[in-house]
Amino acid sequence: MWIGECPLKEKFPRIFRLDAEPNAKVKDRILLSLDSVWLRRHPRGGAEFEQWNHLLTLLGSCTLSPQKDRWVWSGDGTGVFTVASGRSIIDTGTLVIDNTPTRWRKDVPIKINVFIWKLLLDKLPTRDNLEEKGLDVPSTLCGIYDDVTESSSHVFLSCQVAMEI
């Protein structure tokens, strides 16, 4: 269940770990919220007790409707997802580079468009990018020329092998 910006299990991780049945429905928990029989043990104090009290306060102010759950698109305020509204969100804030909107070439296969897009964003899995993300890379040097770091610009612009192709 969401109350605010994140799921309850992320907002109250210590209480979630105490839950005897973590896949139970929220409506069942609201009915039992005053009595902690659904926990494996009572909160011991400190952060557990603080999270428990905060959770009870939130659940106490919550009213459930009998309607079925449904997904609602919040991207443009209409509640209905369209590709145009998704693209607008991307163009206006999420992936803007130099205020240039994304442009896809319709005559080029989509996987090539995505590849070029990742190349321009420097998001290809080169050795230097993998190391930057915290992956254990034996060496960031180019596999062909051991004296240069393997980056997107090296692989596609300055590597001798790339220039010969």
Protein backbone atom coordinates (compact mmCIF):
# COMPACT_ATOMS: atom_id res chain seq x y z
CA MET A 1 0.00 0.00 0.00
CA TRP A 2 1.12 3.49 -0.73
CA ILE A 3 0.68 6.39 1.64
CA GLY A 4 2.80 9.26 0.44
CA GLU A 5 5.67 8.74 -1.93
CA CYS A 6 6.75 5.15 -1.17
CA PRO A 7 5.36 1.73 -0.20
CA LEU A 8 4.78 1.11 3.51
CA LYS A 9 7.34 -1.70 3.54
CA GLU A 10 10.00 0.85 2.52
CA LYS A 11 8.78 3.50 4.93
CA PHE A 12 8.64 1.07 7.88
CA PRO A 13 11.29 -1.59 7.17
CA ARG A 14 11.70 -2.71 10.79
CA ILE A 15 7.98 -3.32 11.23
CA PHE A 16 7.80 -5.11 7.89
CA ARG A 17 10.55 -7.49 9.09
CA LEU A 18 8.50 -8.21 12.24
CA ASP A 19 5.38 -9.12 10.26
CA ALA A 20 4.54 -12.80 10.62
CA GLU A 21 2.79 -12.75 7.24
CA PRO A 22 4.44 -10.09 5.00
CA ASN A 23 2.14 -10.83 2.04
CA ALA A 24 -1.05 -10.06 3.98
CA LYS A 25 -3.49 -7.45 2.71
CA VAL A 26 -3.46 -3.96 4.20
CA LYS A 27 -7.18 -4.18 5.01
CA ASP A 28 -6.41 -7.11 7.34
CA ARG A 29 -3.71 -5.09 9.05
CA ILE A 30 -5.99 -2.09 9.56
CA LEU A 31 -8.52 -4.32 11.32
CA LEU A 32 -5.80 -5.74 13.57
CA SER A 33 -3.75 -2.56 13.98
CA LEU A 34 -4.70 -1.96 17.61
CA ASP A 35 -3.52 -5.36 18.64
CA SER A 36 -0.18 -6.52 17.37
CA VAL A 37 -1.01 -10.24 17.05
CA TRP A 38 0.17 -10.13 13.43
CA LEU A 39 3.72 -9.33 14.49
CA ARG A 40 6.14 -12.12 15.37
CA ARG A 41 6.97 -10.11 18.51
CA HIS A 42 6.14 -6.68 19.96
CA PRO A 43 8.35 -3.73 18.94
CA ARG A 44 11.21 -3.48 21.44
CA GLY A 45 11.66 0.27 21.52
CA GLY A 46 13.82 2.77 19.71
CA ALA A 47 13.33 2.81 15.95
CA GLU A 48 10.95 -0.19 16.00
CA PHE A 49 8.64 1.46 18.51
CA GLU A 50 8.79 4.80 16.69
CA GLN A 51 7.98 3.15 13.34
CA TRP A 52 5.18 1.13 14.96
CA ASN A 53 3.51 4.25 16.41
CA HIS A 54 3.89 6.14 13.12
CA LEU A 55 2.39 3.20 11.18
CA LEU A 56 -0.58 2.96 13.59
CA THR A 57 -1.20 6.70 13.20
CA LEU A 58 -1.17 6.42 9.40
CA LEU A 59 -3.39 3.34 9.34
CA GLY A 60 -5.79 4.93 11.84
CA SER A 61 -6.37 7.88 9.51
CA CYS A 62 -6.80 5.64 6.47
CA THR A 63 -10.20 4.72 5.05
CA LEU A 64 -10.41 1.98 2.48
CA SER A 65 -12.95 2.05 -0.33
CA PRO A 66 -14.67 -1.10 -1.57
CA GLN A 67 -13.56 -0.33 -5.14
CA LYS A 68 -10.99 -2.50 -6.88
CA ASP A 69 -7.46 -1.14 -7.10
CA ARG A 70 -6.48 0.38 -10.42
CA TRP A 71 -3.51 2.04 -12.05
CA VAL A 72 -3.75 5.77 -12.68
CA TRP A 73 -1.29 7.69 -14.87
CA SER A 74 -0.17 10.82 -13.04
CA GLY A 75 2.08 12.15 -15.77
CA ASP A 76 -0.22 14.78 -17.23
CA GLY A 77 -3.13 15.03 -14.78
CA THR A 78 -5.72 13.29 -16.98
CA GLY A 79 -5.26 9.87 -15.39
CA VAL A 80 -4.96 8.25 -18.82
CA PHE A 81 -1.60 7.17 -20.24
CA THR A 82 -0.74 8.02 -23.82
CA VAL A 83 2.57 7.64 -25.61
CA ALA A 84 2.50 11.39 -26.28
CA SER A 85 2.16 12.19 -22.57
CA GLY A 86 4.97 9.76 -21.73
CA ARG A 87 7.23 11.29 -24.33
CA SER A 88 6.34 14.77 -23.10
CA ILE A 89 7.46 13.83 -19.59
CA ILE A 90 10.75 12.50 -20.97
CA ASP A 91 11.31 15.53 -23.20
CA THR A 92 10.51 18.13 -20.55
CA GLY A 93 12.49 16.90 -17.63
CA THR A 94 13.74 13.41 -17.26
CA LEU A 95 16.25 12.97 -20.06
CA VAL A 96 16.83 16.44 -21.45
CA ILE A 97 20.28 16.99 -22.96
CA ASP A 98 21.06 20.60 -23.83
CA ASN A 99 17.31 21.26 -23.99
CA THR A 100 17.09 19.07 -27.10
CA PRO A 101 14.00 16.84 -27.19
CA THR A 102 14.43 13.19 -28.05
CA ARG A 103 14.26 12.57 -31.77
CA TRP A 104 13.80 9.12 -33.23
CA ARG A 105 14.60 8.41 -36.84
CA LYS A 106 11.65 6.46 -38.22
CA ASP A 107 13.74 5.01 -41.05
CA VAL A 108 16.24 3.46 -38.59
CA PRO A 109 15.44 0.31 -36.56
CA ILE A 110 14.44 1.07 -32.96
CA LYS A 111 17.37 -0.86 -31.49
CA ILE A 112 19.77 1.37 -33.44
CA ASN A 113 17.93 4.49 -32.24
CA VAL A 114 18.19 3.28 -28.63
CA PHE A 115 21.86 2.36 -29.07
CA ILE A 116 22.74 5.82 -30.43
CA TRP A 117 20.70 7.43 -27.65
CA LYS A 118 22.66 5.45 -25.02
CA LEU A 119 25.91 6.33 -26.77
CA LEU A 120 25.09 10.05 -26.65
CA LEU A 121 24.19 9.76 -22.95
CA ASP A 122 27.40 7.77 -22.29
CA LYS A 123 25.31 4.92 -20.84
CA LEU A 124 26.83 2.00 -22.76
CA PRO A 125 28.38 -0.77 -20.62
CA THR A 126 32.00 0.17 -21.27
CA ARG A 127 34.60 -0.79 -18.68
CA ASP A 128 34.86 2.72 -17.26
CA ASN A 129 31.04 3.01 -16.92
CA LEU A 130 30.81 -0.42 -15.27
CA GLU A 131 33.49 0.52 -12.75
CA GLU A 132 31.79 3.86 -12.09
CA LYS A 133 28.60 1.95 -11.20
CA GLY A 134 30.51 -0.09 -8.64
CA LEU A 135 30.93 -3.33 -10.57
CA ASP A 136 34.13 -5.26 -10.09
CA VAL A 137 36.04 -4.81 -13.35
CA PRO A 138 39.54 -6.37 -13.52
CA SER A 139 40.79 -3.43 -15.59
CA THR A 140 39.30 -0.31 -17.13
CA LEU A 141 41.85 -0.38 -19.92
CA CYS A 142 40.87 -1.22 -23.49
CA GLY A 143 40.97 -4.95 -24.21
CA ILE A 144 42.89 -4.33 -27.43
CA TYR A 145 45.19 -1.46 -26.46
CA ASP A 146 46.22 -1.71 -22.81
CA ASP A 147 47.26 1.92 -22.52
CA VAL A 148 43.86 3.64 -22.97
CA THR A 149 40.73 3.56 -20.79
CA GLU A 150 37.81 1.82 -22.47
CA SER A 151 35.17 4.55 -22.74
CA SER A 152 32.40 5.17 -25.27
CA SER A 153 34.43 7.86 -26.99
CA HIS A 154 37.49 5.60 -27.20
CA VAL A 155 35.57 2.59 -28.52
CA PHE A 156 33.64 4.53 -31.18
CA LEU A 157 35.91 7.43 -32.07
CA SER A 158 39.59 6.94 -31.28
CA CYS A 159 40.26 3.18 -31.11
CA GLN A 160 42.38 2.07 -34.07
CA VAL A 161 40.15 -0.97 -34.63
CA ALA A 162 37.04 1.25 -34.78
CA MET A 163 38.74 3.61 -37.21
CA GLU A 164 39.64 0.72 -39.54
CA ILE A 165 36.03 -0.49 -39.64
